[in-house]
Amino acid sequence: MQNLRVYRYIDKIARTGSIRQAAEQLAITPSALNRRVIALEQELGVEIFERLGRGVRLSTAGELLVAAMRKHLADTEALKSRIADLSGLRRGHVSIACSQAVLPHFLPDQIEQYQAKYPKVTFNVQNKDGEDAAEALLSYGTDLAIVFAPLRQTEFQAAFALPQKIHAIMSAHHPLAKKDTVALGDCIVYPLALPSMNYGVRRTIEDLYGTLSSRITPAVEADSYVLLQHYVARSQAVGFELQIGIPLIETFGLTSRPLKYPKTALGSLYIYHLKGRALPVAAARFVQQVVEALLKV
């Protein structure tokens, strides 16, 4: 347990890039934390961190060490989860990186259902997509990623994939709301409200518009889907959302219409975990529940 504590200390410093910030989050003094680091460096005979003017960063040896520590910590949590499950405690923690499309409606509903059965299981949800989600999995920052973009198959295992249609969203009084479906060309004559290139939906829209030889210049670009949806509701702008995120948009005074585009361009919503990693019992059970729910969508 003493080693695990040191592992967590080193991991926290690596994530924050600061001994002082890490000490605040760990509720110990910076000097005590620094002594732990120095003692470990002396034991290993190498520097784990490079000391910078306003913080620290991992050395090459430190990167190797932290990768091994994070794997050990994750394996330990998985073991603790299995032991708790055997004892009937049903405890655990599930950490998820996910696309914004599943944040407002789908994921809260799934967490509520899960905790109704296992109330002692806690959750941490991070809004990440694409490479950010991949990095969270690689660094053991999350157990799962639910994203609208394929990740590298060499490092990640897809537990499930569900095709997802993209919908155009607009105010209920928008001219496009009179149509049953809308084409790409219909949308570009109006201001566009788009997420940043960090998100799979934006990259898919860029690719689709590329086939029309049109350049996208959004009227508003943001990382917040809430901001984009409020803007669309108050203007003549058009936004885009995955099928799974549609049920909640009416609360913003919005409506949606399926976007017409080739089936070959249809993307999927993926559930990923790190390849070769044994998931904690709570996370593995949650995956099963989410897969069952997605199959009903």
C-alpha atoms as a PDB file:
ATOM      1  CA  MET A   1       0.000   0.000   0.000  1.00  0.00           C
ATOM      2  CA  GLN A   2       2.920   2.320   0.652  1.00  0.00           C
ATOM      3  CA  ASN A   3       4.105   1.799  -2.929  1.00  0.00           C
ATOM      4  CA  LEU A   4       0.609   2.517  -4.251  1.00  0.00           C
ATOM      5  CA  ARG A   5       0.568   5.794  -2.353  1.00  0.00           C
ATOM      6  CA  VAL A   6       3.870   6.826  -3.932  1.00  0.00           C
ATOM      7  CA  TYR A   7       2.568   5.779  -7.363  1.00  0.00           C
ATOM      8  CA  ARG A   8      -0.471   8.015  -6.887  1.00  0.00           C
ATOM      9  CA  TYR A   9       1.756  10.894  -5.806  1.00  0.00           C
ATOM     10  CA  ILE A  10       3.942  10.590  -8.908  1.00  0.00           C
ATOM     11  CA  ASP A  11       0.912  10.193 -11.170  1.00  0.00           C
ATOM     12  CA  LYS A  12      -0.722  13.328  -9.747  1.00  0.00           C
ATOM     13  CA  ILE A  13       2.450  15.383 -10.250  1.00  0.00           C
ATOM     14  CA  ALA A  14       2.717  14.134 -13.844  1.00  0.00           C
ATOM     15  CA  ARG A  15      -0.896  15.078 -14.578  1.00  0.00           C
ATOM     16  CA  THR A  16      -0.731  18.551 -13.005  1.00  0.00           C
ATOM     17  CA  GLY A  17       2.828  19.408 -14.072  1.00  0.00           C
ATOM     18  CA  SER A  18       3.387  20.982 -10.673  1.00  0.00           C
ATOM     19  CA  ILE A  19       4.502  19.645  -7.292  1.00  0.00           C
ATOM     20  CA  ARG A  20       2.668  22.493  -5.564  1.00  0.00           C
ATOM     21  CA  GLN A  21      -0.648  21.863  -7.360  1.00  0.00           C
ATOM     22  CA  ALA A  22      -0.314  18.123  -6.835  1.00  0.00           C
ATOM     23  CA  ALA A  23       0.356  18.659  -3.123  1.00  0.00           C
ATOM     24  CA  GLU A  24      -2.785  20.801  -2.791  1.00  0.00           C
ATOM     25  CA  GLN A  25      -4.921  18.106  -4.418  1.00  0.00           C
ATOM     26  CA  LEU A  26      -3.297  15.369  -2.323  1.00  0.00           C
ATOM     27  CA  ALA A  27      -3.671  17.375   0.911  1.00  0.00           C
ATOM     28  CA  ILE A  28       0.028  17.210   1.851  1.00  0.00           C
ATOM     29  CA  THR A  29       2.735  19.872   1.941  1.00  0.00           C
ATOM     30  CA  PRO A  30       4.804  20.567  -1.189  1.00  0.00           C
ATOM     31  CA  SER A  31       8.019  19.977   0.739  1.00  0.00           C
ATOM     32  CA  ALA A  32       6.852  16.544   1.922  1.00  0.00           C
ATOM     33  CA  LEU A  33       5.792  15.606  -1.605  1.00  0.00           C
ATOM     34  CA  ASN A  34       9.102  16.814  -3.040  1.00  0.00           C
ATOM     35  CA  ARG A  35      10.988  14.687  -0.495  1.00  0.00           C
ATOM     36  CA  ARG A  36       9.037  11.619  -1.688  1.00  0.00           C
ATOM     37  CA  VAL A  37      10.035  12.358  -5.261  1.00  0.00           C
ATOM     38  CA  ILE A  38      13.694  12.880  -4.396  1.00  0.00           C
ATOM     39  CA  ALA A  39      13.776   9.665  -2.335  1.00  0.00           C
ATOM     40  CA  LEU A  40      12.367   7.676  -5.261  1.00  0.00           C
ATOM     41  CA  GLU A  41      14.779   9.294  -7.709  1.00  0.00           C
ATOM     42  CA  GLN A  42      17.694   8.400  -5.451  1.00  0.00           C
ATOM     43  CA  GLU A  43      16.428   4.839  -5.164  1.00  0.00           C
ATOM     44  CA  LEU A  44      16.131   4.494  -8.960  1.00  0.00           C
ATOM     45  CA  GLY A  45      19.306   6.418  -9.727  1.00  0.00           C
ATOM     46  CA  VAL A  46      17.566   8.629 -12.337  1.00  0.00           C
ATOM     47  CA  GLU A  47      15.578  11.835 -12.371  1.00  0.00           C
ATOM     48  CA  ILE A  48      11.857  11.265 -12.788  1.00  0.00           C
ATOM     49  CA  PHE A  49      11.025  14.927 -13.395  1.00  0.00           C
ATOM     50  CA  GLU A  50      12.805  17.781 -15.099  1.00  0.00           C
ATOM     51  CA  ARG A  51      12.523  20.865 -12.871  1.00  0.00           C
ATOM     52  CA  LEU A  52      11.314  23.885 -14.848  1.00  0.00           C
ATOM     53  CA  GLY A  53      10.835  27.496 -13.840  1.00  0.00           C
ATOM     54  CA  ARG A  54       7.121  27.139 -13.095  1.00  0.00           C
ATOM     55  CA  GLY A  55       6.643  23.421 -12.755  1.00  0.00           C
ATOM     56  CA  VAL A  56       7.980  20.037 -13.710  1.00  0.00           C
ATOM     57  CA  ARG A  57       7.712  17.630 -16.616  1.00  0.00           C
ATOM     58  CA  LEU A  58       8.493  13.955 -16.936  1.00  0.00           C
ATOM     59  CA  SER A  59      11.952  12.922 -18.044  1.00  0.00           C
ATOM     60  CA  THR A  60      12.296  10.077 -20.535  1.00  0.00           C
ATOM     61  CA  ALA A  61      12.847   7.666 -17.649  1.00  0.00           C
ATOM     62  CA  GLY A  62       9.893   9.257 -15.850  1.00  0.00           C
ATOM     63  CA  GLU A  63       7.583   8.622 -18.794  1.00  0.00           C
ATOM     64  CA  LEU A  64       8.481   4.927 -18.722  1.00  0.00           C
ATOM     65  CA  LEU A  65       8.036   4.790 -14.965  1.00  0.00           C
ATOM     66  CA  VAL A  66       4.664   6.580 -14.947  1.00  0.00           C
ATOM     67  CA  ALA A  67       3.310   4.320 -17.698  1.00  0.00           C
ATOM     68  CA  ALA A  68       4.184   1.270 -15.581  1.00  0.00           C
ATOM     69  CA  MET A  69       2.785   2.894 -12.420  1.00  0.00           C
ATOM     70  CA  ARG A  70      -0.519   3.761 -14.098  1.00  0.00           C
ATOM     71  CA  LYS A  71      -0.933   0.230 -15.366  1.00  0.00           C
ATOM     72  CA  HIS A  72      -0.213  -1.123 -11.883  1.00  0.00           C
ATOM     73  CA  LEU A  73      -2.709   1.287 -10.308  1.00  0.00           C
ATOM     74  CA  ALA A  74      -5.372   0.338 -12.850  1.00  0.00           C
ATOM     75  CA  ASP A  75      -4.751  -3.376 -12.308  1.00  0.00           C
ATOM     76  CA  THR A  76      -4.955  -2.852  -8.540  1.00  0.00           C
ATOM     77  CA  GLU A  77      -8.299  -1.062  -8.863  1.00  0.00           C
ATOM     78  CA  ALA A  78      -9.598  -3.898 -11.053  1.00  0.00           C
ATOM     79  CA  LEU A  79      -8.487  -6.419  -8.424  1.00  0.00           C
ATOM     80  CA  LYS A  80     -10.131  -4.435  -5.608  1.00  0.00           C
ATOM     81  CA  SER A  81     -13.317  -4.276  -7.671  1.00  0.00           C
ATOM     82  CA  ARG A  82     -13.343  -8.052  -8.114  1.00  0.00           C
ATOM     83  CA  ILE A  83     -12.702  -8.647  -4.397  1.00  0.00           C
ATOM     84  CA  ALA A  84     -15.530  -6.263  -3.463  1.00  0.00           C
ATOM     85  CA  ASP A  85     -17.794  -8.031  -5.926  1.00  0.00           C
ATOM     86  CA  LEU A  86     -17.007 -11.404  -4.371  1.00  0.00           C
ATOM     87  CA  SER A  87     -17.862 -10.069  -0.954  1.00  0.00           C
ATOM     88  CA  GLY A  88     -21.179  -8.747  -2.214  1.00  0.00           C
ATOM     89  CA  LEU A  89     -20.342  -5.085  -1.576  1.00  0.00           C
ATOM     90  CA  ARG A  90     -20.884  -4.091  -5.217  1.00  0.00           C
ATOM     91  CA  ARG A  91     -18.542  -1.158  -4.856  1.00  0.00           C
ATOM     92  CA  GLY A  92     -16.500   0.416  -7.596  1.00  0.00           C
ATOM     93  CA  HIS A  93     -15.720   3.451  -9.704  1.00  0.00           C
ATOM     94  CA  VAL A  94     -16.252   3.985 -13.434  1.00  0.00           C
ATOM     95  CA  SER A  95     -14.409   6.688 -15.354  1.00  0.00           C
ATOM     96  CA  ILE A  96     -15.659   7.619 -18.833  1.00  0.00           C
ATOM     97  CA  ALA A  97     -14.454   9.932 -21.596  1.00  0.00           C
ATOM     98  CA  CYS A  98     -17.278  10.698 -23.986  1.00  0.00           C
ATOM     99  CA  SER A  99     -18.502  12.797 -26.859  1.00  0.00           C
ATOM    100  CA  GLN A 100     -20.833  15.681 -26.014  1.00  0.00           C
ATOM    101  CA  ALA A 101     -23.668  13.981 -27.902  1.00  0.00           C
ATOM    102  CA  VAL A 102     -24.163  11.429 -25.103  1.00  0.00           C
ATOM    103  CA  LEU A 103     -23.677  13.880 -22.205  1.00  0.00           C
ATOM    104  CA  PRO A 104     -27.047  15.627 -21.792  1.00  0.00           C
ATOM    105  CA  HIS A 105     -29.490  12.723 -22.090  1.00  0.00           C
ATOM    106  CA  PHE A 106     -28.177   9.238 -22.811  1.00  0.00           C
ATOM    107  CA  LEU A 107     -25.315   8.957 -20.318  1.00  0.00           C
ATOM    108  CA  PRO A 108     -27.091  10.489 -17.288  1.00  0.00           C
ATOM    109  CA  ASP A 109     -29.975   8.096 -17.884  1.00  0.00           C
ATOM    110  CA  GLN A 110     -27.607   5.113 -18.036  1.00  0.00           C
ATOM    111  CA  ILE A 111     -25.749   6.160 -14.881  1.00  0.00           C
ATOM    112  CA  GLU A 112     -29.033   6.617 -13.013  1.00  0.00           C
ATOM    113  CA  GLN A 113     -30.210   3.149 -14.042  1.00  0.00           C
ATOM    114  CA  TYR A 114     -26.882   1.591 -13.063  1.00  0.00           C
ATOM    115  CA  GLN A 115     -26.729   3.244  -9.654  1.00  0.00           C
ATOM    116  CA  ALA A 116     -30.282   2.137  -8.952  1.00  0.00           C
ATOM    117  CA  LYS A 117     -28.881  -1.414  -8.981  1.00  0.00           C
ATOM    118  CA  TYR A 118     -25.421  -0.635  -7.581  1.00  0.00           C
ATOM    119  CA  PRO A 119     -25.704   2.540  -5.462  1.00  0.00           C
ATOM    120  CA  LYS A 120     -22.154   2.268  -4.110  1.00  0.00           C
ATOM    121  CA  VAL A 121     -20.589   2.616  -7.565  1.00  0.00           C
ATOM    122  CA  THR A 122     -19.362   6.139  -8.348  1.00  0.00           C
ATOM    123  CA  PHE A 123     -18.733   7.751 -11.738  1.00  0.00           C
ATOM    124  CA  ASN A 124     -16.386  10.295 -13.252  1.00  0.00           C
ATOM    125  CA  VAL A 125     -17.327  11.667 -16.681  1.00  0.00           C
ATOM    126  CA  GLN A 126     -14.964  13.699 -18.865  1.00  0.00           C
ATOM    127  CA  ASN A 127     -16.024  15.535 -22.024  1.00  0.00           C
ATOM    128  CA  LYS A 128     -13.427  14.272 -24.514  1.00  0.00           C
ATOM    129  CA  ASP A 129     -13.497  13.099 -28.108  1.00  0.00           C
ATOM    130  CA  GLY A 130     -10.986  11.876 -30.687  1.00  0.00           C
ATOM    131  CA  GLU A 131      -7.340  12.164 -29.675  1.00  0.00           C
ATOM    132  CA  ASP A 132      -8.202  13.600 -26.265  1.00  0.00           C
ATOM    133  CA  ALA A 133     -10.250  10.492 -25.469  1.00  0.00           C
ATOM    134  CA  ALA A 134      -7.458   8.273 -26.789  1.00  0.00           C
ATOM    135  CA  GLU A 135      -4.919   9.997 -24.543  1.00  0.00           C
ATOM    136  CA  ALA A 136      -7.218   9.588 -21.530  1.00  0.00           C
ATOM    137  CA  LEU A 137      -7.382   5.836 -22.168  1.00  0.00           C
ATOM    138  CA  LEU A 138      -3.642   5.511 -22.757  1.00  0.00           C
ATOM    139  CA  SER A 139      -2.813   7.366 -19.532  1.00  0.00           C
ATOM    140  CA  TYR A 140      -5.322   5.280 -17.537  1.00  0.00           C
ATOM    141  CA  GLY A 141      -7.237   8.490 -16.856  1.00  0.00           C
ATOM    142  CA  THR A 142     -10.448   6.752 -17.907  1.00  0.00           C
ATOM    143  CA  ASP A 143     -11.719   3.186 -18.130  1.00  0.00           C
ATOM    144  CA  LEU A 144     -13.944   3.738 -21.170  1.00  0.00           C
ATOM    145  CA  ALA A 145     -14.399   6.085 -24.096  1.00  0.00           C
ATOM    146  CA  ILE A 146     -17.731   6.618 -25.884  1.00  0.00           C
ATOM    147  CA  VAL A 147     -16.872   8.555 -29.024  1.00  0.00           C
ATOM    148  CA  PHE A 148     -18.033   9.287 -32.566  1.00  0.00           C
ATOM    149  CA  ALA A 149     -14.758   8.472 -34.272  1.00  0.00           C
ATOM    150  CA  PRO A 150     -12.673   5.312 -34.705  1.00  0.00           C
ATOM    151  CA  LEU A 151      -9.562   5.123 -32.526  1.00  0.00           C
ATOM    152  CA  ARG A 152      -6.343   3.296 -33.334  1.00  0.00           C
ATOM    153  CA  GLN A 153      -7.037  -0.432 -33.451  1.00  0.00           C
ATOM    154  CA  THR A 154      -3.488  -1.298 -32.398  1.00  0.00           C
ATOM    155  CA  GLU A 155      -4.000   0.246 -28.947  1.00  0.00           C
ATOM    156  CA  PHE A 156      -7.746   0.185 -28.306  1.00  0.00           C
ATOM    157  CA  GLN A 157     -10.450  -2.460 -28.258  1.00  0.00           C
ATOM    158  CA  ALA A 158     -13.929  -1.549 -29.521  1.00  0.00           C
ATOM    159  CA  ALA A 159     -16.498  -3.212 -27.278  1.00  0.00           C
ATOM    160  CA  PHE A 160     -19.350  -2.001 -29.480  1.00  0.00           C
ATOM    161  CA  ALA A 161     -20.091   0.201 -32.494  1.00  0.00           C
ATOM    162  CA  LEU A 162     -23.491   1.622 -33.477  1.00  0.00           C
ATOM    163  CA  PRO A 163     -24.063   3.496 -36.774  1.00  0.00           C
ATOM    164  CA  GLN A 164     -25.166   7.063 -36.108  1.00  0.00           C
ATOM    165  CA  LYS A 165     -26.987   9.382 -38.483  1.00  0.00           C
ATOM    166  CA  ILE A 166     -26.183  13.084 -38.267  1.00  0.00           C
ATOM    167  CA  HIS A 167     -29.168  15.441 -37.966  1.00  0.00           C
ATOM    168  CA  ALA A 168     -29.340  19.122 -38.790  1.00  0.00           C
ATOM    169  CA  ILE A 169     -30.801  21.093 -35.896  1.00  0.00           C
ATOM    170  CA  MET A 170     -32.585  24.419 -36.144  1.00  0.00           C
ATOM    171  CA  SER A 171     -35.233  26.512 -34.389  1.00  0.00           C
ATOM    172  CA  ALA A 172     -38.780  25.230 -34.645  1.00  0.00           C
ATOM    173  CA  HIS A 173     -39.658  28.214 -36.868  1.00  0.00           C
ATOM    174  CA  HIS A 174     -36.694  27.846 -39.207  1.00  0.00           C
ATOM    175  CA  PRO A 175     -37.479  27.510 -42.969  1.00  0.00           C
ATOM    176  CA  LEU A 176     -35.666  24.143 -43.051  1.00  0.00           C
ATOM    177  CA  ALA A 177     -38.035  22.815 -40.374  1.00  0.00           C
ATOM    178  CA  LYS A 178     -40.701  22.532 -43.100  1.00  0.00           C
ATOM    179  CA  LYS A 179     -38.674  19.799 -44.834  1.00  0.00           C
ATOM    180  CA  ASP A 180     -38.683  16.093 -43.908  1.00  0.00           C
ATOM    181  CA  THR A 181     -34.952  15.826 -44.601  1.00  0.00           C
ATOM    182  CA  VAL A 182     -32.287  18.383 -45.493  1.00  0.00           C
ATOM    183  CA  ALA A 183     -29.357  18.230 -47.857  1.00  0.00           C
ATOM    184  CA  LEU A 184     -25.907  19.642 -47.245  1.00  0.00           C
ATOM    185  CA  GLY A 185     -26.546  22.347 -49.820  1.00  0.00           C
ATOM    186  CA  ASP A 186     -29.665  23.448 -47.907  1.00  0.00           C
ATOM    187  CA  CYS A 187     -27.649  24.172 -44.801  1.00  0.00           C
ATOM    188  CA  ILE A 188     -24.779  26.257 -46.132  1.00  0.00           C
ATOM    189  CA  VAL A 189     -27.044  29.148 -47.144  1.00  0.00           C
ATOM    190  CA  TYR A 190     -27.650  29.769 -43.423  1.00  0.00           C
ATOM    191  CA  PRO A 191     -25.192  30.660 -40.651  1.00  0.00           C
ATOM    192  CA  LEU A 192     -23.569  27.531 -39.245  1.00  0.00           C
ATOM    193  CA  ALA A 193     -23.012  26.791 -35.553  1.00  0.00           C
ATOM    194  CA  LEU A 194     -20.331  24.109 -35.316  1.00  0.00           C
ATOM    195  CA  PRO A 195     -18.250  22.373 -32.666  1.00  0.00           C
ATOM    196  CA  SER A 196     -14.487  22.629 -32.961  1.00  0.00           C
ATOM    197  CA  MET A 197     -12.343  20.188 -34.920  1.00  0.00           C
ATOM    198  CA  ASN A 198     -11.785  18.262 -31.681  1.00  0.00           C
ATOM    199  CA  TYR A 199     -15.128  16.564 -32.283  1.00  0.00           C
ATOM    200  CA  GLY A 200     -15.952  13.774 -34.687  1.00  0.00           C
ATOM    201  CA  VAL A 201     -19.188  15.423 -35.825  1.00  0.00           C
ATOM    202  CA  ARG A 202     -17.281  18.499 -37.034  1.00  0.00           C
ATOM    203  CA  ARG A 203     -14.699  16.429 -38.886  1.00  0.00           C
ATOM    204  CA  THR A 204     -17.458  14.418 -40.580  1.00  0.00           C
ATOM    205  CA  ILE A 205     -19.278  17.598 -41.631  1.00  0.00           C
ATOM    206  CA  GLU A 206     -16.021  19.019 -43.021  1.00  0.00           C
ATOM    207  CA  ASP A 207     -15.482  15.845 -45.062  1.00  0.00           C
ATOM    208  CA  LEU A 208     -19.045  15.909 -46.368  1.00  0.00           C
ATOM    209  CA  TYR A 209     -18.866  19.545 -47.365  1.00  0.00           C
ATOM    210  CA  GLY A 210     -15.566  18.848 -49.075  1.00  0.00           C
ATOM    211  CA  THR A 211     -17.475  16.708 -51.595  1.00  0.00           C
ATOM    212  CA  LEU A 212     -19.451  19.844 -52.548  1.00  0.00           C
ATOM    213  CA  SER A 213     -16.264  21.851 -53.081  1.00  0.00           C
ATOM    214  CA  SER A 214     -17.578  24.245 -50.456  1.00  0.00           C
ATOM    215  CA  ARG A 215     -15.616  25.755 -47.623  1.00  0.00           C
ATOM    216  CA  ILE A 216     -17.176  25.912 -44.186  1.00  0.00           C
ATOM    217  CA  THR A 217     -16.958  29.217 -42.357  1.00  0.00           C
ATOM    218  CA  PRO A 218     -19.019  28.854 -39.186  1.00  0.00           C
ATOM    219  CA  ALA A 219     -20.802  31.875 -37.779  1.00  0.00           C
ATOM    220  CA  VAL A 220     -20.099  30.446 -34.324  1.00  0.00           C
ATOM    221  CA  GLU A 221     -17.579  27.775 -33.370  1.00  0.00           C
ATOM    222  CA  ALA A 222     -17.399  26.451 -29.807  1.00  0.00           C
ATOM    223  CA  ASP A 223     -16.500  23.445 -27.665  1.00  0.00           C
ATOM    224  CA  SER A 224     -19.810  23.769 -25.812  1.00  0.00           C
ATOM    225  CA  TYR A 225     -22.834  22.087 -27.384  1.00  0.00           C
ATOM    226  CA  VAL A 226     -25.057  23.933 -24.888  1.00  0.00           C
ATOM    227  CA  LEU A 227     -23.818  27.284 -26.190  1.00  0.00           C
ATOM    228  CA  LEU A 228     -24.267  26.179 -29.815  1.00  0.00           C
ATOM    229  CA  GLN A 229     -27.803  24.930 -29.196  1.00  0.00           C
ATOM    230  CA  HIS A 230     -28.837  28.135 -27.419  1.00  0.00           C
ATOM    231  CA  TYR A 231     -27.410  30.155 -30.317  1.00  0.00           C
ATOM    232  CA  VAL A 232     -29.267  28.065 -32.906  1.00  0.00           C
ATOM    233  CA  ALA A 233     -32.524  28.425 -30.958  1.00  0.00           C
ATOM    234  CA  ARG A 234     -32.190  32.239 -31.036  1.00  0.00           C
ATOM    235  CA  SER A 235     -31.194  32.672 -34.677  1.00  0.00           C
ATOM    236  CA  GLN A 236     -31.478  31.400 -38.237  1.00  0.00           C
ATOM    237  CA  ALA A 237     -28.353  29.313 -37.751  1.00  0.00           C
ATOM    238  CA  VAL A 238     -28.125  25.577 -38.411  1.00  0.00           C
ATOM    239  CA  GLY A 239     -26.213  23.152 -36.215  1.00  0.00           C
ATOM    240  CA  PHE A 240     -25.602  19.407 -36.246  1.00  0.00           C
ATOM    241  CA  GLU A 241     -26.094  16.609 -33.748  1.00  0.00           C
ATOM    242  CA  LEU A 242     -25.812  12.839 -33.605  1.00  0.00           C
ATOM    243  CA  GLN A 243     -28.998  10.802 -33.560  1.00  0.00           C
ATOM    244  CA  ILE A 244     -28.373   9.756 -29.952  1.00  0.00           C
ATOM    245  CA  GLY A 245     -28.324  13.398 -28.822  1.00  0.00           C
ATOM    246  CA  ILE A 246     -31.615  14.391 -30.464  1.00  0.00           C
ATOM    247  CA  PRO A 247     -34.100  13.479 -27.650  1.00  0.00           C
ATOM    248  CA  LEU A 248     -33.079  16.471 -25.506  1.00  0.00           C
ATOM    249  CA  ILE A 249     -32.937  19.277 -28.080  1.00  0.00           C
ATOM    250  CA  GLU A 250     -36.634  20.158 -27.780  1.00  0.00           C
ATOM    251  CA  THR A 251     -35.885  21.583 -24.336  1.00  0.00           C
ATOM    252  CA  PHE A 252     -33.870  24.267 -26.156  1.00  0.00           C
ATOM    253  CA  GLY A 253     -36.772  25.129 -28.489  1.00  0.00           C
ATOM    254  CA  LEU A 254     -35.102  23.229 -31.322  1.00  0.00           C
ATOM    255  CA  THR A 255     -36.180  20.705 -33.896  1.00  0.00           C
ATOM    256  CA  SER A 256     -34.124  18.385 -36.099  1.00  0.00           C
ATOM    257  CA  ARG A 257     -34.171  16.926 -39.567  1.00  0.00           C
ATOM    258  CA  PRO A 258     -32.096  13.958 -40.815  1.00  0.00           C
ATOM    259  CA  LEU A 259     -29.197  15.048 -42.983  1.00  0.00           C
ATOM    260  CA  LYS A 260     -29.033  13.477 -46.441  1.00  0.00           C
ATOM    261  CA  TYR A 261     -25.577  12.147 -47.310  1.00  0.00           C
ATOM    262  CA  PRO A 262     -24.058   8.929 -48.746  1.00  0.00           C
ATOM    263  CA  LYS A 263     -24.366   5.794 -46.602  1.00  0.00           C
ATOM    264  CA  THR A 264     -20.653   5.240 -47.119  1.00  0.00           C
ATOM    265  CA  ALA A 265     -20.045   8.361 -45.008  1.00  0.00           C
ATOM    266  CA  LEU A 266     -22.185   7.135 -42.113  1.00  0.00           C
ATOM    267  CA  GLY A 267     -20.172   7.177 -38.886  1.00  0.00           C
ATOM    268  CA  SER A 268     -20.577   5.141 -35.719  1.00  0.00           C
ATOM    269  CA  LEU A 269     -20.681   5.660 -31.992  1.00  0.00           C
ATOM    270  CA  TYR A 270     -17.957   3.514 -30.417  1.00  0.00           C
ATOM    271  CA  ILE A 271     -17.314   2.191 -26.916  1.00  0.00           C
ATOM    272  CA  TYR A 272     -13.571   1.693 -26.437  1.00  0.00           C
ATOM    273  CA  HIS A 273     -11.247   0.481 -23.730  1.00  0.00           C
ATOM    274  CA  LEU A 274      -7.496   0.036 -23.687  1.00  0.00           C
ATOM    275  CA  LYS A 275      -6.502  -3.176 -25.417  1.00  0.00           C
ATOM    276  CA  GLY A 276      -5.175  -5.802 -23.009  1.00  0.00           C
ATOM    277  CA  ARG A 277      -6.471  -3.978 -19.933  1.00  0.00           C
ATOM    278  CA  ALA A 278      -8.677  -5.919 -17.525  1.00  0.00           C
ATOM    279  CA  LEU A 279     -11.601  -3.623 -16.780  1.00  0.00           C
ATOM    280  CA  PRO A 280     -12.856  -3.270 -13.205  1.00  0.00           C
ATOM    281  CA  VAL A 281     -16.057  -5.226 -12.585  1.00  0.00           C
ATOM    282  CA  ALA A 282     -18.136  -2.054 -12.316  1.00  0.00           C
ATOM    283  CA  ALA A 283     -16.875  -0.735 -15.659  1.00  0.00           C
ATOM    284  CA  ALA A 284     -17.362  -4.080 -17.404  1.00  0.00           C
ATOM    285  CA  ARG A 285     -20.936  -4.309 -16.098  1.00  0.00           C
ATOM    286  CA  PHE A 286     -21.636  -0.751 -17.209  1.00  0.00           C
ATOM    287  CA  VAL A 287     -20.439  -1.556 -20.724  1.00  0.00           C
ATOM    288  CA  GLN A 288     -22.901  -4.446 -20.865  1.00  0.00           C
ATOM    289  CA  GLN A 289     -25.749  -2.201 -19.793  1.00  0.00           C
ATOM    290  CA  VAL A 290     -24.859   0.542 -22.293  1.00  0.00           C
ATOM    291  CA  VAL A 291     -24.569  -1.940 -25.156  1.00  0.00           C
ATOM    292  CA  GLU A 292     -28.017  -3.315 -24.350  1.00  0.00           C
ATOM    293  CA  ALA A 293     -29.431   0.211 -24.294  1.00  0.00           C
ATOM    294  CA  LEU A 294     -27.784   1.175 -27.596  1.00  0.00           C
ATOM    295  CA  LEU A 295     -29.208  -1.884 -29.290  1.00  0.00           C
ATOM    296  CA  LYS A 296     -32.666  -0.525 -28.464  1.00  0.00           C
ATOM    297  CA  VAL A 297     -31.967   2.952 -29.881  1.00  0.00           C
END
